[in-house]
């Protein structure tokens, strides 16, 4: 069981890193071919690769969360430098906004679910 767990972790991380490198290579190839993408097009490619990593990892029964986390780390490290300046700024801004919304949702959800739990215990 331990070997299966370790294998699942390693394969999921490798899958996430591989998909991130494919995204990086795709953006680099588009730049080398002088295909001008606007900032929205570049961000759509990056986000689409993120969704694909999660969906494919889930479909082939890997750890989708771990694959997506590894993809995000590698994307921030490698793909970020293949974006133009506007895309870099907007991706940072969008990430901050989504993070704040998700954090607020989690706090509200925990607050709303903890009150009935503690009232039923007493």
PDB file of N, CA and C in Angstrom:
ATOM      1  N   UNK A   1       0.816  -1.183   0.000  1.00  0.00           N
ATOM      2  CA  UNK A   1       0.000   0.000   0.000  1.00  0.00           C
ATOM      3  C   UNK A   1       0.873   1.265   0.000  1.00  0.00           C
ATOM      4  N   UNK A   2       1.955   1.236   0.770  1.00  0.00           N
ATOM      5  CA  UNK A   2       2.857   2.397   0.819  1.00  0.00           C
ATOM      6  C   UNK A   2       3.498   2.644  -0.538  1.00  0.00           C
ATOM      7  N   UNK A   3       3.888   1.555  -1.225  1.00  0.00           N
ATOM      8  CA  UNK A   3       4.494   1.703  -2.554  1.00  0.00           C
ATOM      9  C   UNK A   3       3.512   2.315  -3.551  1.00  0.00           C
ATOM     10  N   UNK A   4       2.250   1.903  -3.485  1.00  0.00           N
ATOM     11  CA  UNK A   4       1.229   2.473  -4.373  1.00  0.00           C
ATOM     12  C   UNK A   4       1.025   3.964  -4.087  1.00  0.00           C
ATOM     13  N   UNK A   5       1.051   4.320  -2.806  1.00  0.00           N
ATOM     14  CA  UNK A   5       0.882   5.719  -2.412  1.00  0.00           C
ATOM     15  C   UNK A   5       2.029   6.572  -2.939  1.00  0.00           C
ATOM     16  N   UNK A   6       3.251   6.104  -2.762  1.00  0.00           N
ATOM     17  CA  UNK A   6       4.422   6.856  -3.227  1.00  0.00           C
ATOM     18  C   UNK A   6       4.428   6.936  -4.752  1.00  0.00           C
ATOM     19  N   UNK A   7       4.074   5.851  -5.412  1.00  0.00           N
ATOM     20  CA  UNK A   7       4.021   5.858  -6.879  1.00  0.00           C
ATOM     21  C   UNK A   7       2.970   6.845  -7.380  1.00  0.00           C
ATOM     22  N   UNK A   8       1.813   6.882  -6.721  1.00  0.00           N
ATOM     23  CA  UNK A   8       0.764   7.813  -7.111  1.00  0.00           C
ATOM     24  C   UNK A   8       1.235   9.256  -6.960  1.00  0.00           C
ATOM     25  N   UNK A   9       1.923   9.567  -5.875  1.00  0.00           N
ATOM     26  CA  UNK A   9       2.428  10.923  -5.658  1.00  0.00           C
ATOM     27  C   UNK A   9       3.447  11.298  -6.730  1.00  0.00           C
ATOM     28  N   UNK A  10       4.393  10.426  -6.979  1.00  0.00           N
ATOM     29  CA  UNK A  10       5.453  10.733  -7.939  1.00  0.00           C
ATOM     30  C   UNK A  10       4.903  10.866  -9.349  1.00  0.00           C
ATOM     31  N   UNK A  11       4.032   9.959  -9.749  1.00  0.00           N
ATOM     32  CA  UNK A  11       3.475  10.006 -11.100  1.00  0.00           C
ATOM     33  C   UNK A  11       2.603  11.252 -11.274  1.00  0.00           C
ATOM     34  N   UNK A  12       1.827  11.607 -10.245  1.00  0.00           N
ATOM     35  CA  UNK A  12       0.991  12.802 -10.329  1.00  0.00           C
ATOM     36  C   UNK A  12       1.845  14.052 -10.470  1.00  0.00           C
ATOM     37  N   UNK A  13       2.928  14.126  -9.709  1.00  0.00           N
ATOM     38  CA  UNK A  13       3.807  15.295  -9.795  1.00  0.00           C
ATOM     39  C   UNK A  13       4.498  15.362 -11.155  1.00  0.00           C
ATOM     40  N   UNK A  14       4.948  14.232 -11.661  1.00  0.00           N
ATOM     41  CA  UNK A  14       5.583  14.213 -12.976  1.00  0.00           C
ATOM     42  C   UNK A  14       4.599  14.612 -14.072  1.00  0.00           C
ATOM     43  N   UNK A  15       3.367  14.150 -13.952  1.00  0.00           N
ATOM     44  CA  UNK A  15       2.344  14.502 -14.936  1.00  0.00           C
ATOM     45  C   UNK A  15       2.078  16.007 -14.928  1.00  0.00           C
ATOM     46  N   UNK A  16       1.957  16.595 -13.750  1.00  0.00           N
ATOM     47  CA  UNK A  16       1.738  18.035 -13.648  1.00  0.00           C
ATOM     48  C   UNK A  16       2.899  18.834 -14.209  1.00  0.00           C
ATOM     49  N   UNK A  17       4.130  18.403 -13.898  1.00  0.00           N
ATOM     50  CA  UNK A  17       5.309  19.101 -14.415  1.00  0.00           C
ATOM     51  C   UNK A  17       5.408  18.957 -15.932  1.00  0.00           C
ATOM     52  N   UNK A  18       5.107  17.780 -16.450  1.00  0.00           N
ATOM     53  CA  UNK A  18       5.161  17.550 -17.893  1.00  0.00           C
ATOM     54  C   UNK A  18       4.151  18.437 -18.629  1.00  0.00           C
ATOM     55  N   UNK A  19       2.952  18.536 -18.105  1.00  0.00           N
ATOM     56  CA  UNK A  19       1.938  19.383 -18.750  1.00  0.00           C
ATOM     57  C   UNK A  19       2.333  20.850 -18.699  1.00  0.00           C
ATOM     58  N   UNK A  20       2.956  21.259 -17.609  1.00  0.00           N
ATOM     59  CA  UNK A  20       3.421  22.645 -17.517  1.00  0.00           C
ATOM     60  C   UNK A  20       4.513  22.920 -18.546  1.00  0.00           C
ATOM     61  N   UNK A  21       5.410  21.985 -18.717  1.00  0.00           N
ATOM     62  CA  UNK A  21       6.464  22.159 -19.715  1.00  0.00           C
ATOM     63  C   UNK A  21       5.891  22.150 -21.134  1.00  0.00           C
ATOM     64  N   UNK A  22       4.821  21.378 -21.358  1.00  0.00           N
ATOM     65  CA  UNK A  22       4.157  21.400 -22.666  1.00  0.00           C
ATOM     66  C   UNK A  22       3.517  22.767 -22.925  1.00  0.00           C
ATOM     67  N   UNK A  23       2.922  23.351 -21.895  1.00  0.00           N
ATOM     68  CA  UNK A  23       2.343  24.695 -22.031  1.00  0.00           C
ATOM     69  C   UNK A  23       3.437  25.706 -22.342  1.00  0.00           C
ATOM     70  N   UNK A  24       4.556  25.596 -21.645  1.00  0.00           N
ATOM     71  CA  UNK A  24       5.687  26.494 -21.874  1.00  0.00           C
ATOM     72  C   UNK A  24       6.204  26.348 -23.302  1.00  0.00           C
ATOM     73  N   UNK A  25       6.337  25.110 -23.761  1.00  0.00           N
ATOM     74  CA  UNK A  25       6.827  24.862 -25.115  1.00  0.00           C
ATOM     75  C   UNK A  25       5.841  25.390 -26.160  1.00  0.00           C
ATOM     76  N   UNK A  26       4.543  25.250 -25.892  1.00  0.00           N
ATOM     77  CA  UNK A  26       3.538  25.746 -26.841  1.00  0.00           C
ATOM     78  C   UNK A  26       3.605  27.266 -26.959  1.00  0.00           C
ATOM     79  N   UNK A  27       3.709  27.951 -25.831  1.00  0.00           N
ATOM     80  CA  UNK A  27       3.800  29.412 -25.887  1.00  0.00           C
ATOM     81  C   UNK A  27       5.092  29.863 -26.559  1.00  0.00           C
ATOM     82  N   UNK A  28       6.176  29.157 -26.277  1.00  0.00           N
ATOM     83  CA  UNK A  28       7.462  29.503 -26.887  1.00  0.00           C
ATOM     84  C   UNK A  28       7.410  29.274 -28.396  1.00  0.00           C
ATOM     85  N   UNK A  29       6.802  28.173 -28.809  1.00  0.00           N
ATOM     86  CA  UNK A  29       6.692  27.861 -30.235  1.00  0.00           C
ATOM     87  C   UNK A  29       5.839  28.911 -30.951  1.00  0.00           C
ATOM     88  N   UNK A  30       4.768  29.359 -30.303  1.00  0.00           N
ATOM     89  CA  UNK A  30       3.940  30.398 -30.905  1.00  0.00           C
ATOM     90  C   UNK A  30       4.716  31.698 -31.054  1.00  0.00           C
ATOM     91  N   UNK A  31       5.560  32.017 -30.068  1.00  0.00           N
ATOM     92  CA  UNK A  31       6.395  33.216 -30.177  1.00  0.00           C
ATOM     93  C   UNK A  31       7.428  33.076 -31.285  1.00  0.00           C
ATOM     94  N   UNK A  32       8.041  31.890 -31.385  1.00  0.00           N
ATOM     95  CA  UNK A  32       9.060  31.661 -32.407  1.00  0.00           C
ATOM     96  C   UNK A  32       8.482  31.697 -33.813  1.00  0.00           C
ATOM     97  N   UNK A  33       7.211  31.323 -33.952  1.00  0.00           N
ATOM     98  CA  UNK A  33       6.565  31.340 -35.263  1.00  0.00           C
ATOM     99  C   UNK A  33       5.999  32.714 -35.579  1.00  0.00           C
ATOM    100  N   UNK A  34       6.278  33.699 -34.721  1.00  0.00           N
ATOM    101  CA  UNK A  34       5.791  35.074 -34.878  1.00  0.00           C
ATOM    102  C   UNK A  34       4.277  35.167 -34.937  1.00  0.00           C
ATOM    103  N   UNK A  35       3.617  34.293 -34.204  1.00  0.00           N
ATOM    104  CA  UNK A  35       2.166  34.380 -34.068  1.00  0.00           C
ATOM    105  C   UNK A  35       1.897  35.282 -32.878  1.00  0.00           C
ATOM    106  N   UNK A  36       1.305  36.419 -33.149  1.00  0.00           N
ATOM    107  CA  UNK A  36       1.055  37.400 -32.103  1.00  0.00           C
ATOM    108  C   UNK A  36      -0.260  37.069 -31.392  1.00  0.00           C
ATOM    109  N   UNK A  37      -0.142  36.718 -30.145  1.00  0.00           N
ATOM    110  CA  UNK A  37      -1.330  36.519 -29.328  1.00  0.00           C
ATOM    111  C   UNK A  37      -1.512  37.739 -28.443  1.00  0.00           C
ATOM    112  N   UNK A  38      -2.744  38.132 -28.266  1.00  0.00           N
ATOM    113  CA  UNK A  38      -2.971  39.213 -27.314  1.00  0.00           C
ATOM    114  C   UNK A  38      -2.912  38.643 -25.896  1.00  0.00           C
ATOM    115  N   UNK A  39      -3.022  39.505 -24.922  1.00  0.00           N
ATOM    116  CA  UNK A  39      -2.870  39.062 -23.538  1.00  0.00           C
ATOM    117  C   UNK A  39      -3.960  38.082 -23.127  1.00  0.00           C
ATOM    118  N   UNK A  40      -5.144  38.239 -23.672  1.00  0.00           N
ATOM    119  CA  UNK A  40      -6.241  37.331 -23.341  1.00  0.00           C
ATOM    120  C   UNK A  40      -5.958  35.941 -23.911  1.00  0.00           C
ATOM    121  N   UNK A  41      -5.452  35.875 -25.123  1.00  0.00           N
ATOM    122  CA  UNK A  41      -5.145  34.593 -25.745  1.00  0.00           C
ATOM    123  C   UNK A  41      -4.094  33.814 -24.979  1.00  0.00           C
ATOM    124  N   UNK A  42      -3.050  34.513 -24.516  1.00  0.00           N
ATOM    125  CA  UNK A  42      -2.013  33.835 -23.749  1.00  0.00           C
ATOM    126  C   UNK A  42      -2.550  33.315 -22.423  1.00  0.00           C
ATOM    127  N   UNK A  43      -3.364  34.123 -21.764  1.00  0.00           N
ATOM    128  CA  UNK A  43      -3.920  33.685 -20.485  1.00  0.00           C
ATOM    129  C   UNK A  43      -4.899  32.531 -20.660  1.00  0.00           C
ATOM    130  N   UNK A  44      -5.626  32.533 -21.772  1.00  0.00           N
ATOM    131  CA  UNK A  44      -6.544  31.424 -22.043  1.00  0.00           C
ATOM    132  C   UNK A  44      -5.764  30.131 -22.227  1.00  0.00           C
ATOM    133  N   UNK A  45      -4.631  30.193 -22.900  1.00  0.00           N
ATOM    134  CA  UNK A  45      -3.808  28.990 -23.085  1.00  0.00           C
ATOM    135  C   UNK A  45      -3.326  28.462 -21.739  1.00  0.00           C
ATOM    136  N   UNK A  46      -2.844  29.351 -20.877  1.00  0.00           N
ATOM    137  CA  UNK A  46      -2.331  28.928 -19.576  1.00  0.00           C
ATOM    138  C   UNK A  46      -3.448  28.331 -18.720  1.00  0.00           C
ATOM    139  N   UNK A  47      -4.600  28.981 -18.678  1.00  0.00           N
ATOM    140  CA  UNK A  47      -5.716  28.491 -17.870  1.00  0.00           C
ATOM    141  C   UNK A  47      -6.260  27.178 -18.431  1.00  0.00           C
ATOM    142  N   UNK A  48      -6.324  27.070 -19.757  1.00  0.00           N
ATOM    143  CA  UNK A  48      -6.811  25.838 -20.377  1.00  0.00           C
ATOM    144  C   UNK A  48      -5.907  24.659 -20.038  1.00  0.00           C
ATOM    145  N   UNK A  49      -4.595  24.882 -20.054  1.00  0.00           N
ATOM    146  CA  UNK A  49      -3.683  23.803 -19.668  1.00  0.00           C
ATOM    147  C   UNK A  49      -3.913  23.401 -18.215  1.00  0.00           C
ATOM    148  N   UNK A  50      -4.208  24.362 -17.349  1.00  0.00           N
ATOM    149  CA  UNK A  50      -4.498  24.034 -15.952  1.00  0.00           C
ATOM    150  C   UNK A  50      -5.740  23.167 -15.820  1.00  0.00           C
ATOM    151  N   UNK A  51      -6.811  23.539 -16.542  1.00  0.00           N
ATOM    152  CA  UNK A  51      -8.022  22.730 -16.505  1.00  0.00           C
ATOM    153  C   UNK A  51      -7.785  21.346 -17.092  1.00  0.00           C
ATOM    154  N   UNK A  52      -7.015  21.280 -18.172  1.00  0.00           N
ATOM    155  CA  UNK A  52      -6.733  19.977 -18.781  1.00  0.00           C
ATOM    156  C   UNK A  52      -5.943  19.068 -17.844  1.00  0.00           C
ATOM    157  N   UNK A  53      -4.985  19.645 -17.124  1.00  0.00           N
ATOM    158  CA  UNK A  53      -4.208  18.847 -16.173  1.00  0.00           C
ATOM    159  C   UNK A  53      -5.131  18.224 -15.142  1.00  0.00           C
ATOM    160  N   UNK A  54      -6.019  19.028 -14.586  1.00  0.00           N
ATOM    161  CA  UNK A  54      -6.930  18.510 -13.566  1.00  0.00           C
ATOM    162  C   UNK A  54      -7.843  17.433 -14.148  1.00  0.00           C
ATOM    163  N   UNK A  55      -8.442  17.709 -15.302  1.00  0.00           N
ATOM    164  CA  UNK A  55      -9.400  16.777 -15.896  1.00  0.00           C
ATOM    165  C   UNK A  55      -8.738  15.465 -16.310  1.00  0.00           C
ATOM    166  N   UNK A  56      -7.582  15.546 -16.937  1.00  0.00           N
ATOM    167  CA  UNK A  56      -6.916  14.323 -17.394  1.00  0.00           C
ATOM    168  C   UNK A  56      -6.401  13.515 -16.212  1.00  0.00           C
ATOM    169  N   UNK A  57      -5.830  14.192 -15.211  1.00  0.00           N
ATOM    170  CA  UNK A  57      -5.342  13.466 -14.030  1.00  0.00           C
ATOM    171  C   UNK A  57      -6.495  12.773 -13.314  1.00  0.00           C
ATOM    172  N   UNK A  58      -7.627  13.429 -13.249  1.00  0.00           N
ATOM    173  CA  UNK A  58      -8.799  12.811 -12.613  1.00  0.00           C
ATOM    174  C   UNK A  58      -9.278  11.609 -13.422  1.00  0.00           C
ATOM    175  N   UNK A  59      -9.242  11.746 -14.736  1.00  0.00           N
ATOM    176  CA  UNK A  59      -9.721  10.667 -15.611  1.00  0.00           C
ATOM    177  C   UNK A  59      -8.816   9.435 -15.544  1.00  0.00           C
ATOM    178  N   UNK A  60      -7.502   9.634 -15.443  1.00  0.00           N
ATOM    179  CA  UNK A  60      -6.595   8.478 -15.401  1.00  0.00           C
ATOM    180  C   UNK A  60      -6.272   8.066 -13.963  1.00  0.00           C
ATOM    181  N   UNK A  61      -7.086   8.561 -13.024  1.00  0.00           N
ATOM    182  CA  UNK A  61      -7.051   8.168 -11.619  1.00  0.00           C
ATOM    183  C   UNK A  61      -5.720   8.481 -10.931  1.00  0.00           C
ATOM    184  N   UNK A  62      -5.187   9.668 -11.241  1.00  0.00           N
ATOM    185  CA  UNK A  62      -4.051  10.191 -10.491  1.00  0.00           C
ATOM    186  C   UNK A  62      -4.581  11.194  -9.478  1.00  0.00           C
ATOM    187  N   UNK A  63      -3.717  11.729  -8.663  1.00  0.00           N
ATOM    188  CA  UNK A  63      -4.111  12.767  -7.727  1.00  0.00           C
ATOM    189  C   UNK A  63      -4.196  14.086  -8.495  1.00  0.00           C
ATOM    190  N   UNK A  64      -5.425  14.496  -8.811  1.00  0.00           N
ATOM    191  CA  UNK A  64      -5.627  15.689  -9.629  1.00  0.00           C
ATOM    192  C   UNK A  64      -5.165  16.945  -8.908  1.00  0.00           C
ATOM    193  N   UNK A  65      -5.378  17.009  -7.606  1.00  0.00           N
ATOM    194  CA  UNK A  65      -4.974  18.192  -6.842  1.00  0.00           C
ATOM    195  C   UNK A  65      -3.458  18.320  -6.833  1.00  0.00           C
ATOM    196  N   UNK A  66      -2.767  17.222  -6.615  1.00  0.00           N
ATOM    197  CA  UNK A  66      -1.300  17.259  -6.592  1.00  0.00           C
ATOM    198  C   UNK A  66      -0.731  17.564  -7.977  1.00  0.00           C
ATOM    199  N   UNK A  67      -1.331  17.009  -9.010  1.00  0.00           N
ATOM    200  CA  UNK A  67      -0.880  17.306 -10.376  1.00  0.00           C
ATOM    201  C   UNK A  67      -1.103  18.782 -10.707  1.00  0.00           C
ATOM    202  N   UNK A  68      -2.246  19.325 -10.277  1.00  0.00           N
ATOM    203  CA  UNK A  68      -2.532  20.733 -10.527  1.00  0.00           C
ATOM    204  C   UNK A  68      -1.603  21.647  -9.729  1.00  0.00           C
ATOM    205  N   UNK A  69      -1.296  21.260  -8.508  1.00  0.00           N
ATOM    206  CA  UNK A  69      -0.379  22.066  -7.693  1.00  0.00           C
ATOM    207  C   UNK A  69       1.016  22.082  -8.319  1.00  0.00           C
ATOM    208  N   UNK A  70       1.495  20.929  -8.743  1.00  0.00           N
ATOM    209  CA  UNK A  70       2.807  20.861  -9.387  1.00  0.00           C
ATOM    210  C   UNK A  70       2.796  21.641 -10.698  1.00  0.00           C
ATOM    211  N   UNK A  71       1.697  21.543 -11.432  1.00  0.00           N
ATOM    212  CA  UNK A  71       1.570  22.312 -12.669  1.00  0.00           C
ATOM    213  C   UNK A  71       1.637  23.800 -12.376  1.00  0.00           C
ATOM    214  N   UNK A  72       0.965  24.249 -11.339  1.00  0.00           N
ATOM    215  CA  UNK A  72       0.991  25.659 -10.988  1.00  0.00           C
ATOM    216  C   UNK A  72       2.377  26.144 -10.607  1.00  0.00           C
ATOM    217  N   UNK A  73       3.094  25.339  -9.849  1.00  0.00           N
ATOM    218  CA  UNK A  73       4.454  25.711  -9.447  1.00  0.00           C
ATOM    219  C   UNK A  73       5.364  25.805 -10.666  1.00  0.00           C
ATOM    220  N   UNK A  74       5.301  24.800 -11.530  1.00  0.00           N
ATOM    221  CA  UNK A  74       6.157  24.810 -12.719  1.00  0.00           C
ATOM    222  C   UNK A  74       5.734  25.898 -13.703  1.00  0.00           C
ATOM    223  N   UNK A  75       4.434  26.159 -13.804  1.00  0.00           N
ATOM    224  CA  UNK A  75       3.965  27.222 -14.681  1.00  0.00           C
ATOM    225  C   UNK A  75       4.479  28.573 -14.205  1.00  0.00           C
ATOM    226  N   UNK A  76       4.429  28.791 -12.893  1.00  0.00           N
ATOM    227  CA  UNK A  76       4.940  30.054 -12.353  1.00  0.00           C
ATOM    228  C   UNK A  76       6.440  30.186 -12.595  1.00  0.00           C
ATOM    229  N   UNK A  77       7.138  29.073 -12.591  1.00  0.00           N
ATOM    230  CA  UNK A  77       8.587  29.114 -12.755  1.00  0.00           C
ATOM    231  C   UNK A  77       9.015  29.268 -14.216  1.00  0.00           C
ATOM    232  N   UNK A  78       8.358  28.562 -15.130  1.00  0.00           N
ATOM    233  CA  UNK A  78       8.835  28.515 -16.514  1.00  0.00           C
ATOM    234  C   UNK A  78       7.935  29.243 -17.506  1.00  0.00           C
ATOM    235  N   UNK A  79       6.644  28.996 -17.476  1.00  0.00           N
ATOM    236  CA  UNK A  79       5.744  29.558 -18.470  1.00  0.00           C
ATOM    237  C   UNK A  79       5.588  31.059 -18.304  1.00  0.00           C
ATOM    238  N   UNK A  80       5.675  31.537 -17.083  1.00  0.00           N
ATOM    239  CA  UNK A  80       5.479  32.958 -16.794  1.00  0.00           C
ATOM    240  C   UNK A  80       6.415  33.830 -17.627  1.00  0.00           C
ATOM    241  N   UNK A  81       7.615  33.366 -17.908  1.00  0.00           N
ATOM    242  CA  UNK A  81       8.591  34.160 -18.646  1.00  0.00           C
ATOM    243  C   UNK A  81       8.354  34.166 -20.152  1.00  0.00           C
ATOM    244  N   UNK A  82       7.450  33.323 -20.641  1.00  0.00           N
ATOM    245  CA  UNK A  82       7.105  33.328 -22.060  1.00  0.00           C
ATOM    246  C   UNK A  82       5.885  34.198 -22.350  1.00  0.00           C
ATOM    247  N   UNK A  83       5.340  34.833 -21.326  1.00  0.00           N
ATOM    248  CA  UNK A  83       4.206  35.730 -21.520  1.00  0.00           C
ATOM    249  C   UNK A  83       4.714  37.153 -21.764  1.00  0.00           C
ATOM    250  N   UNK A  84       3.914  37.958 -22.451  1.00  0.00           N
ATOM    251  CA  UNK A  84       4.318  39.352 -22.617  1.00  0.00           C
ATOM    252  C   UNK A  84       4.026  40.124 -21.327  1.00  0.00           C
ATOM    253  N   UNK A  85       4.463  41.358 -21.263  1.00  0.00           N
ATOM    254  CA  UNK A  85       4.388  42.132 -20.022  1.00  0.00           C
ATOM    255  C   UNK A  85       2.957  42.282 -19.523  1.00  0.00           C
ATOM    256  N   UNK A  86       2.033  42.601 -20.424  1.00  0.00           N
ATOM    257  CA  UNK A  86       0.638  42.780 -20.019  1.00  0.00           C
ATOM    258  C   UNK A  86       0.041  41.487 -19.473  1.00  0.00           C
ATOM    259  N   UNK A  87       0.364  40.366 -20.090  1.00  0.00           N
ATOM    260  CA  UNK A  87      -0.146  39.084 -19.614  1.00  0.00           C
ATOM    261  C   UNK A  87       0.406  38.748 -18.237  1.00  0.00           C
ATOM    262  N   UNK A  88       1.667  39.074 -18.003  1.00  0.00           N
ATOM    263  CA  UNK A  88       2.256  38.838 -16.680  1.00  0.00           C
ATOM    264  C   UNK A  88       1.525  39.635 -15.610  1.00  0.00           C
ATOM    265  N   UNK A  89       1.283  40.908 -15.892  1.00  0.00           N
ATOM    266  CA  UNK A  89       0.594  41.764 -14.918  1.00  0.00           C
ATOM    267  C   UNK A  89      -0.835  41.285 -14.681  1.00  0.00           C
ATOM    268  N   UNK A  90      -1.541  40.961 -15.750  1.00  0.00           N
ATOM    269  CA  UNK A  90      -2.931  40.542 -15.602  1.00  0.00           C
ATOM    270  C   UNK A  90      -3.043  39.186 -14.929  1.00  0.00           C
ATOM    271  N   UNK A  91      -2.126  38.266 -15.225  1.00  0.00           N
ATOM    272  CA  UNK A  91      -2.199  36.959 -14.566  1.00  0.00           C
ATOM    273  C   UNK A  91      -1.949  37.098 -13.068  1.00  0.00           C
ATOM    274  N   UNK A  92      -1.054  37.987 -12.685  1.00  0.00           N
ATOM    275  CA  UNK A  92      -0.821  38.224 -11.259  1.00  0.00           C
ATOM    276  C   UNK A  92      -2.048  38.836 -10.604  1.00  0.00           C
ATOM    277  N   UNK A  93      -2.669  39.789 -11.266  1.00  0.00           N
ATOM    278  CA  UNK A  93      -3.865  40.436 -10.715  1.00  0.00           C
ATOM    279  C   UNK A  93      -5.030  39.458 -10.613  1.00  0.00           C
ATOM    280  N   UNK A  94      -5.249  38.689 -11.658  1.00  0.00           N
ATOM    281  CA  UNK A  94      -6.351  37.724 -11.658  1.00  0.00           C
ATOM    282  C   UNK A  94      -6.134  36.676 -10.579  1.00  0.00           C
ATOM    283  N   UNK A  95      -4.901  36.221 -10.419  1.00  0.00           N
ATOM    284  CA  UNK A  95      -4.606  35.229  -9.393  1.00  0.00           C
ATOM    285  C   UNK A  95      -4.898  35.780  -8.002  1.00  0.00           C
ATOM    286  N   UNK A  96      -4.528  37.023  -7.753  1.00  0.00           N
ATOM    287  CA  UNK A  96      -4.805  37.633  -6.447  1.00  0.00           C
ATOM    288  C   UNK A  96      -6.307  37.753  -6.200  1.00  0.00           C
ATOM    289  N   UNK A  97      -7.060  38.151  -7.217  1.00  0.00           N
ATOM    290  CA  UNK A  97      -8.509  38.302  -7.058  1.00  0.00           C
ATOM    291  C   UNK A  97      -9.156  36.947  -6.781  1.00  0.00           C
ATOM    292  N   UNK A  98      -8.805  35.939  -7.545  1.00  0.00           N
ATOM    293  CA  UNK A  98      -9.388  34.608  -7.346  1.00  0.00           C
ATOM    294  C   UNK A  98      -9.007  34.059  -5.974  1.00  0.00           C
ATOM    295  N   UNK A  99      -7.777  34.313  -5.539  1.00  0.00           N
ATOM    296  CA  UNK A  99      -7.344  33.859  -4.220  1.00  0.00           C
ATOM    297  C   UNK A  99      -8.176  34.508  -3.122  1.00  0.00           C
ATOM    298  N   UNK A 100      -8.408  35.814  -3.223  1.00  0.00           N
ATOM    299  CA  UNK A 100      -9.212  36.503  -2.212  1.00  0.00           C
ATOM    300  C   UNK A 100     -10.659  36.009  -2.203  1.00  0.00           C
ATOM    301  N   UNK A 101     -11.217  35.761  -3.379  1.00  0.00           N
ATOM    302  CA  UNK A 101     -12.591  35.252  -3.443  1.00  0.00           C
ATOM    303  C   UNK A 101     -12.673  33.856  -2.829  1.00  0.00           C
ATOM    304  N   UNK A 102     -11.726  32.985  -3.158  1.00  0.00           N
ATOM    305  CA  UNK A 102     -11.736  31.627  -2.612  1.00  0.00           C
ATOM    306  C   UNK A 102     -11.540  31.639  -1.102  1.00  0.00           C
ATOM    307  N   UNK A 103     -10.644  32.483  -0.619  1.00  0.00           N
ATOM    308  CA  UNK A 103     -10.411  32.583   0.817  1.00  0.00           C
ATOM    309  C   UNK A 103     -11.654  33.086   1.538  1.00  0.00           C
ATOM    310  N   UNK A 104     -12.304  34.084   0.985  1.00  0.00           N
ATOM    311  CA  UNK A 104     -13.545  34.587   1.583  1.00  0.00           C
ATOM    312  C   UNK A 104     -14.633  33.537   1.594  1.00  0.00           C
ATOM    313  N   UNK A 105     -14.759  32.783   0.514  1.00  0.00           N
ATOM    314  CA  UNK A 105     -15.757  31.713   0.455  1.00  0.00           C
ATOM    315  C   UNK A 105     -15.499  30.663   1.526  1.00  0.00           C
ATOM    316  N   UNK A 106     -14.245  30.275   1.702  1.00  0.00           N
ATOM    317  CA  UNK A 106     -13.919  29.253   2.694  1.00  0.00           C
ATOM    318  C   UNK A 106     -14.254  29.745   4.103  1.00  0.00           C
ATOM    319  N   UNK A 107     -13.901  30.982   4.419  1.00  0.00           N
ATOM    320  CA  UNK A 107     -14.205  31.507   5.750  1.00  0.00           C
ATOM    321  C   UNK A 107     -15.710  31.607   5.992  1.00  0.00           C
ATOM    322  N   UNK A 108     -16.455  32.071   5.000  1.00  0.00           N
ATOM    323  CA  UNK A 108     -17.915  32.153   5.153  1.00  0.00           C
ATOM    324  C   UNK A 108     -18.506  30.764   5.303  1.00  0.00           C
ATOM    325  N   UNK A 109     -18.070  29.821   4.491  1.00  0.00           N
ATOM    326  CA  UNK A 109     -18.590  28.454   4.558  1.00  0.00           C
ATOM    327  C   UNK A 109     -18.285  27.819   5.906  1.00  0.00           C
ATOM    328  N   UNK A 110     -17.059  27.950   6.379  1.00  0.00           N
ATOM    329  CA  UNK A 110     -16.714  27.395   7.687  1.00  0.00           C
ATOM    330  C   UNK A 110     -17.509  28.061   8.802  1.00  0.00           C
ATOM    331  N   UNK A 111     -17.695  29.367   8.692  1.00  0.00           N
ATOM    332  CA  UNK A 111     -18.481  30.063   9.709  1.00  0.00           C
ATOM    333  C   UNK A 111     -19.931  29.609   9.734  1.00  0.00           C
ATOM    334  N   UNK A 112     -20.521  29.459   8.552  1.00  0.00           N
ATOM    335  CA  UNK A 112     -21.920  29.050   8.486  1.00  0.00           C
ATOM    336  C   UNK A 112     -22.129  27.601   8.900  1.00  0.00           C
ATOM    337  N   UNK A 113     -21.170  26.738   8.663  1.00  0.00           N
ATOM    338  CA  UNK A 113     -21.334  25.339   9.040  1.00  0.00           C
ATOM    339  C   UNK A 113     -20.920  25.061  10.479  1.00  0.00           C
ATOM    340  N   UNK A 114     -20.094  25.902  11.053  1.00  0.00           N
ATOM    341  CA  UNK A 114     -19.658  25.637  12.435  1.00  0.00           C
ATOM    342  C   UNK A 114     -20.701  26.055  13.459  1.00  0.00           C
ATOM    343  N   UNK A 115     -21.497  27.076  13.171  1.00  0.00           N
ATOM    344  CA  UNK A 115     -22.507  27.533  14.129  1.00  0.00           C
ATOM    345  C   UNK A 115     -23.553  26.447  14.392  1.00  0.00           C
ATOM    346  N   UNK A 116     -24.172  25.860  13.375  1.00  0.00           N
ATOM    347  CA  UNK A 116     -25.137  24.786  13.665  1.00  0.00           C
ATOM    348  C   UNK A 116     -24.484  23.573  14.353  1.00  0.00           C
ATOM    349  N   UNK A 117     -23.248  23.287  14.025  1.00  0.00           N
ATOM    350  CA  UNK A 117     -22.571  22.161  14.649  1.00  0.00           C
ATOM    351  C   UNK A 117     -22.407  22.393  16.143  1.00  0.00           C
ATOM    352  N   UNK A 118     -21.934  23.568  16.519  1.00  0.00           N
ATOM    353  CA  UNK A 118     -21.724  23.855  17.944  1.00  0.00           C
ATOM    354  C   UNK A 118     -23.056  24.018  18.688  1.00  0.00           C
ATOM    355  N   UNK A 119     -24.098  24.477  18.016  1.00  0.00           N
ATOM    356  CA  UNK A 119     -25.413  24.579  18.673  1.00  0.00           C
ATOM    357  C   UNK A 119     -26.018  23.198  18.932  1.00  0.00           C
ATOM    358  N   UNK A 120     -25.756  22.244  18.041  1.00  0.00           N
ATOM    359  CA  UNK A 120     -26.303  20.889  18.235  1.00  0.00           C
ATOM    360  C   UNK A 120     -25.528  20.101  19.285  1.00  0.00           C
ATOM    361  N   UNK A 121     -24.266  20.461  19.498  1.00  0.00           N
ATOM    362  CA  UNK A 121     -23.437  19.763  20.499  1.00  0.00           C
ATOM    363  C   UNK A 121     -23.851  20.172  21.904  1.00  0.00           C
ATOM    364  N   UNK A 122     -24.185  21.443  22.083  1.00  0.00           N
ATOM    365  CA  UNK A 122     -24.529  21.950  23.415  1.00  0.00           C
ATOM    366  C   UNK A 122     -25.893  21.551  23.785  1.00  0.00           C
TER     367      UNK A 122
END
